[in-house]
Amino acid sequence: MINTLAGLAPVQLAFVVHDLENAAQRFEAVLGAGPWLGYLFDETTVGGRLYHGRPADWSVRLALNNTDPQYELIQPIEGPSIHAEWLEQRGEGFHHVAYVVESLDAVVAEMLDAGHMPVMEVHSFGVDGDGRGVYFDTVEAIGCFVEAIEPPARMPHPHFAL
């Protein structure tokens, strides 16, 4: 058991999709899940993007709603990422569950000890250059990735709304 995650409630359920607008409409029709605020994560909006421990030039469009837990829809745009890889190998669908944690470094250490490698990392996506998230390879163990997040104090203004 990962002690730093024990007892925490998931804050986000994330789905990888081919078409963000279409997926938002489907989630709204079935779950009443809108409205959505959209962001572009790329070299102009995110301070650091890693894939398998190396700097990577990937980009995604993502949309967030205001449910609890929050739904996140992710559309890969370009470059190698766990989102693009999942979409190519498995198609659209549930991808990861996310938790807000007090110490991302502590979670990384525990996940490594448990054999769950960090696969992708994003940092500096907040207005003040803060915010960090790490995706761990828990697919064999539980069927999806786990993301641990140290959220930024302030998210930037959305790039679009759906």
C-alpha atoms as a PDB file:
ATOM      1  CA  MET A   1       0.000   0.000   0.000  1.00  0.00           C
ATOM      2  CA  ILE A   2       1.200   3.493  -0.818  1.00  0.00           C
ATOM      3  CA  ASN A   3       0.841   5.273   2.538  1.00  0.00           C
ATOM      4  CA  THR A   4       0.860   8.794   1.103  1.00  0.00           C
ATOM      5  CA  LEU A   5      -2.204   7.931  -1.042  1.00  0.00           C
ATOM      6  CA  ALA A   6      -4.028   5.864   1.586  1.00  0.00           C
ATOM      7  CA  GLY A   7      -7.249   7.533   2.648  1.00  0.00           C
ATOM      8  CA  LEU A   8      -7.126  10.206  -0.052  1.00  0.00           C
ATOM      9  CA  ALA A   9     -10.157  10.623  -2.282  1.00  0.00           C
ATOM     10  CA  PRO A  10      -9.533  10.867  -6.015  1.00  0.00           C
ATOM     11  CA  VAL A  11      -9.836  14.425  -7.290  1.00  0.00           C
ATOM     12  CA  GLN A  12      -9.939  13.577 -10.982  1.00  0.00           C
ATOM     13  CA  LEU A  13     -11.046  10.839 -13.366  1.00  0.00           C
ATOM     14  CA  ALA A  14      -9.355  11.285 -16.738  1.00  0.00           C
ATOM     15  CA  PHE A  15     -10.307  10.027 -20.182  1.00  0.00           C
ATOM     16  CA  VAL A  16      -8.228  10.112 -23.368  1.00  0.00           C
ATOM     17  CA  VAL A  17     -10.214  11.074 -26.475  1.00  0.00           C
ATOM     18  CA  HIS A  18      -9.719  11.668 -30.200  1.00  0.00           C
ATOM     19  CA  ASP A  19     -11.898  14.787 -30.389  1.00  0.00           C
ATOM     20  CA  LEU A  20     -12.263  17.022 -27.331  1.00  0.00           C
ATOM     21  CA  GLU A  21     -15.392  18.858 -28.478  1.00  0.00           C
ATOM     22  CA  ASN A  22     -17.189  15.651 -29.426  1.00  0.00           C
ATOM     23  CA  ALA A  23     -16.242  13.968 -26.153  1.00  0.00           C
ATOM     24  CA  ALA A  24     -17.435  16.967 -24.122  1.00  0.00           C
ATOM     25  CA  GLN A  25     -20.789  16.781 -25.897  1.00  0.00           C
ATOM     26  CA  ARG A  26     -21.065  13.035 -25.176  1.00  0.00           C
ATOM     27  CA  PHE A  27     -20.181  13.489 -21.494  1.00  0.00           C
ATOM     28  CA  GLU A  28     -22.729  16.291 -21.244  1.00  0.00           C
ATOM     29  CA  ALA A  29     -25.451  14.207 -22.915  1.00  0.00           C
ATOM     30  CA  VAL A  30     -24.872  11.119 -20.763  1.00  0.00           C
ATOM     31  CA  LEU A  31     -23.651  12.553 -17.447  1.00  0.00           C
ATOM     32  CA  GLY A  32     -24.644  16.234 -17.505  1.00  0.00           C
ATOM     33  CA  ALA A  33     -20.922  16.844 -17.013  1.00  0.00           C
ATOM     34  CA  GLY A  34     -20.464  20.361 -18.462  1.00  0.00           C
ATOM     35  CA  PRO A  35     -19.518  23.122 -18.604  1.00  0.00           C
ATOM     36  CA  TRP A  36     -15.869  22.581 -19.518  1.00  0.00           C
ATOM     37  CA  LEU A  37     -12.840  24.857 -19.283  1.00  0.00           C
ATOM     38  CA  GLY A  38     -10.075  24.052 -21.741  1.00  0.00           C
ATOM     39  CA  TYR A  39      -6.306  24.341 -21.641  1.00  0.00           C
ATOM     40  CA  LEU A  40      -3.447  23.764 -24.026  1.00  0.00           C
ATOM     41  CA  PHE A  41      -0.401  22.118 -22.465  1.00  0.00           C
ATOM     42  CA  ASP A  42       2.602  22.672 -24.735  1.00  0.00           C
ATOM     43  CA  GLU A  43       5.993  24.392 -24.790  1.00  0.00           C
ATOM     44  CA  THR A  44       4.357  27.832 -24.493  1.00  0.00           C
ATOM     45  CA  THR A  45       2.164  27.069 -21.471  1.00  0.00           C
ATOM     46  CA  VAL A  46       4.077  24.485 -19.417  1.00  0.00           C
ATOM     47  CA  GLY A  47       7.550  24.944 -17.977  1.00  0.00           C
ATOM     48  CA  GLY A  48       8.574  21.301 -18.161  1.00  0.00           C
ATOM     49  CA  ARG A  49       7.384  18.118 -19.817  1.00  0.00           C
ATOM     50  CA  LEU A  50       9.098  14.780 -19.316  1.00  0.00           C
ATOM     51  CA  TYR A  51       8.397  11.373 -20.812  1.00  0.00           C
ATOM     52  CA  HIS A  52      10.266   8.339 -19.439  1.00  0.00           C
ATOM     53  CA  GLY A  53      12.515  10.696 -17.492  1.00  0.00           C
ATOM     54  CA  ARG A  54      13.656  12.766 -20.479  1.00  0.00           C
ATOM     55  CA  PRO A  55      12.537  16.159 -21.762  1.00  0.00           C
ATOM     56  CA  ALA A  56       9.790  15.599 -24.313  1.00  0.00           C
ATOM     57  CA  ASP A  57       8.022  17.755 -26.845  1.00  0.00           C
ATOM     58  CA  TRP A  58       4.435  16.596 -26.408  1.00  0.00           C
ATOM     59  CA  SER A  59       1.273  18.664 -26.400  1.00  0.00           C
ATOM     60  CA  VAL A  60      -2.323  18.032 -25.391  1.00  0.00           C
ATOM     61  CA  ARG A  61      -5.607  19.867 -25.260  1.00  0.00           C
ATOM     62  CA  LEU A  62      -7.518  19.149 -22.088  1.00  0.00           C
ATOM     63  CA  ALA A  63     -10.896  20.081 -20.692  1.00  0.00           C
ATOM     64  CA  LEU A  64     -11.901  20.110 -17.024  1.00  0.00           C
ATOM     65  CA  ASN A  65     -15.359  20.307 -15.498  1.00  0.00           C
ATOM     66  CA  ASN A  66     -16.384  21.223 -11.958  1.00  0.00           C
ATOM     67  CA  THR A  67     -17.740  17.926 -10.597  1.00  0.00           C
ATOM     68  CA  ASP A  68     -16.269  16.189  -7.559  1.00  0.00           C
ATOM     69  CA  PRO A  69     -14.319  14.214  -8.534  1.00  0.00           C
ATOM     70  CA  GLN A  70     -13.566  16.251 -11.610  1.00  0.00           C
ATOM     71  CA  TYR A  71     -13.672  14.787 -15.107  1.00  0.00           C
ATOM     72  CA  GLU A  72     -10.706  15.523 -17.344  1.00  0.00           C
ATOM     73  CA  LEU A  73     -10.811  14.941 -21.092  1.00  0.00           C
ATOM     74  CA  ILE A  74      -7.422  14.800 -22.835  1.00  0.00           C
ATOM     75  CA  GLN A  75      -6.799  15.003 -26.568  1.00  0.00           C
ATOM     76  CA  PRO A  76      -3.173  14.359 -27.568  1.00  0.00           C
ATOM     77  CA  ILE A  77      -1.993  16.796 -30.233  1.00  0.00           C
ATOM     78  CA  GLU A  78       1.592  15.832 -31.026  1.00  0.00           C
ATOM     79  CA  GLY A  79       4.669  14.143 -29.686  1.00  0.00           C
ATOM     80  CA  PRO A  80       5.182  10.987 -27.668  1.00  0.00           C
ATOM     81  CA  SER A  81       3.163  10.815 -24.451  1.00  0.00           C
ATOM     82  CA  ILE A  82       1.259   8.324 -22.349  1.00  0.00           C
ATOM     83  CA  HIS A  83      -1.947   9.876 -23.686  1.00  0.00           C
ATOM     84  CA  ALA A  84      -1.037   9.376 -27.364  1.00  0.00           C
ATOM     85  CA  GLU A  85       0.292   5.890 -26.632  1.00  0.00           C
ATOM     86  CA  TRP A  86      -2.893   4.890 -24.792  1.00  0.00           C
ATOM     87  CA  LEU A  87      -5.115   6.220 -27.578  1.00  0.00           C
ATOM     88  CA  GLU A  88      -3.119   4.364 -30.225  1.00  0.00           C
ATOM     89  CA  GLN A  89      -2.993   1.061 -28.326  1.00  0.00           C
ATOM     90  CA  ARG A  90      -6.342   1.026 -26.500  1.00  0.00           C
ATOM     91  CA  GLY A  91      -8.537   3.682 -28.068  1.00  0.00           C
ATOM     92  CA  GLU A  92     -10.668   6.215 -26.245  1.00  0.00           C
ATOM     93  CA  GLY A  93     -11.548   5.688 -22.635  1.00  0.00           C
ATOM     94  CA  PHE A  94     -10.611   5.865 -18.993  1.00  0.00           C
ATOM     95  CA  HIS A  95      -6.909   6.589 -18.580  1.00  0.00           C
ATOM     96  CA  HIS A  96      -5.980   7.673 -15.046  1.00  0.00           C
ATOM     97  CA  VAL A  97      -7.125   8.613 -11.594  1.00  0.00           C
ATOM     98  CA  ALA A  98      -5.512  11.631  -9.924  1.00  0.00           C
ATOM     99  CA  TYR A  99      -4.832  12.544  -6.320  1.00  0.00           C
ATOM    100  CA  VAL A 100      -3.718  15.831  -4.790  1.00  0.00           C
ATOM    101  CA  VAL A 101      -0.804  15.124  -2.474  1.00  0.00           C
ATOM    102  CA  GLU A 102       1.124  17.122   0.087  1.00  0.00           C
ATOM    103  CA  SER A 103       4.528  15.871  -1.030  1.00  0.00           C
ATOM    104  CA  LEU A 104       5.030  14.655  -4.560  1.00  0.00           C
ATOM    105  CA  ASP A 105       8.595  13.673  -3.673  1.00  0.00           C
ATOM    106  CA  ALA A 106       7.289  11.359  -0.932  1.00  0.00           C
ATOM    107  CA  VAL A 107       4.795   9.760  -3.349  1.00  0.00           C
ATOM    108  CA  VAL A 108       7.516   9.271  -5.975  1.00  0.00           C
ATOM    109  CA  ALA A 109       9.739   7.528  -3.418  1.00  0.00           C
ATOM    110  CA  GLU A 110       6.925   5.239  -2.235  1.00  0.00           C
ATOM    111  CA  MET A 111       5.771   4.415  -5.753  1.00  0.00           C
ATOM    112  CA  LEU A 112       9.332   3.566  -6.787  1.00  0.00           C
ATOM    113  CA  ASP A 113       9.689   1.321  -3.733  1.00  0.00           C
ATOM    114  CA  ALA A 114       6.453  -0.410  -4.756  1.00  0.00           C
ATOM    115  CA  GLY A 115       7.737  -0.928  -8.317  1.00  0.00           C
ATOM    116  CA  HIS A 116       5.529   1.685 -10.030  1.00  0.00           C
ATOM    117  CA  MET A 117       7.778   3.789 -12.224  1.00  0.00           C
ATOM    118  CA  PRO A 118       7.122   7.444 -13.056  1.00  0.00           C
ATOM    119  CA  VAL A 119       6.276   7.515 -16.759  1.00  0.00           C
ATOM    120  CA  MET A 120       5.471  11.143 -17.457  1.00  0.00           C
ATOM    121  CA  GLU A 121       5.822  14.430 -15.604  1.00  0.00           C
ATOM    122  CA  VAL A 122       4.565  17.943 -16.092  1.00  0.00           C
ATOM    123  CA  HIS A 123       5.623  20.942 -14.038  1.00  0.00           C
ATOM    124  CA  SER A 124       5.308  24.715 -13.920  1.00  0.00           C
ATOM    125  CA  PHE A 125       1.803  24.927 -15.369  1.00  0.00           C
ATOM    126  CA  GLY A 126       0.454  27.433 -12.827  1.00  0.00           C
ATOM    127  CA  VAL A 127       0.382  31.221 -13.222  1.00  0.00           C
ATOM    128  CA  ASP A 128       3.288  31.558 -10.799  1.00  0.00           C
ATOM    129  CA  GLY A 129       5.392  28.780 -12.345  1.00  0.00           C
ATOM    130  CA  ASP A 130       4.251  26.246  -9.760  1.00  0.00           C
ATOM    131  CA  GLY A 131       2.202  23.065 -10.138  1.00  0.00           C
ATOM    132  CA  ARG A 132       3.588  19.604 -10.731  1.00  0.00           C
ATOM    133  CA  GLY A 133       2.128  16.239 -11.639  1.00  0.00           C
ATOM    134  CA  VAL A 134       3.627  12.777 -12.086  1.00  0.00           C
ATOM    135  CA  TYR A 135       1.971   9.793 -13.774  1.00  0.00           C
ATOM    136  CA  PHE A 136       2.914   6.354 -12.456  1.00  0.00           C
ATOM    137  CA  ASP A 137       2.751   3.068 -14.335  1.00  0.00           C
ATOM    138  CA  THR A 138       0.110   1.175 -12.405  1.00  0.00           C
ATOM    139  CA  VAL A 139      -1.591  -0.211 -15.520  1.00  0.00           C
ATOM    140  CA  GLU A 140      -0.674  -3.868 -14.876  1.00  0.00           C
ATOM    141  CA  ALA A 141      -1.695  -3.591 -11.223  1.00  0.00           C
ATOM    142  CA  ILE A 142      -5.020  -1.731 -11.533  1.00  0.00           C
ATOM    143  CA  GLY A 143      -5.746  -1.187 -15.234  1.00  0.00           C
ATOM    144  CA  CYS A 144      -4.953   2.530 -15.413  1.00  0.00           C
ATOM    145  CA  PHE A 145      -2.302   5.091 -14.542  1.00  0.00           C
ATOM    146  CA  VAL A 146      -2.218   6.958 -11.230  1.00  0.00           C
ATOM    147  CA  GLU A 147      -1.345  10.655 -11.219  1.00  0.00           C
ATOM    148  CA  ALA A 148      -0.158  12.518  -8.138  1.00  0.00           C
ATOM    149  CA  ILE A 149      -0.487  16.290  -8.268  1.00  0.00           C
ATOM    150  CA  GLU A 150       0.874  19.218  -6.331  1.00  0.00           C
ATOM    151  CA  PRO A 151      -1.559  21.787  -7.752  1.00  0.00           C
ATOM    152  CA  PRO A 152      -0.547  25.336  -8.541  1.00  0.00           C
ATOM    153  CA  ALA A 153      -1.761  28.141  -6.308  1.00  0.00           C
ATOM    154  CA  ARG A 154      -3.460  29.668  -9.371  1.00  0.00           C
ATOM    155  CA  MET A 155      -4.347  28.052 -12.666  1.00  0.00           C
ATOM    156  CA  PRO A 156      -3.977  30.242 -15.752  1.00  0.00           C
ATOM    157  CA  HIS A 157      -7.058  31.563 -17.485  1.00  0.00           C
ATOM    158  CA  PRO A 158      -8.593  28.878 -19.683  1.00  0.00           C
ATOM    159  CA  HIS A 159      -7.655  28.937 -23.354  1.00  0.00           C
ATOM    160  CA  PHE A 160     -11.187  27.973 -24.400  1.00  0.00           C
ATOM    161  CA  ALA A 161     -14.557  26.814 -23.049  1.00  0.00           C
ATOM    162  CA  LEU A 162     -16.822  24.006 -24.238  1.00  0.00           C
END
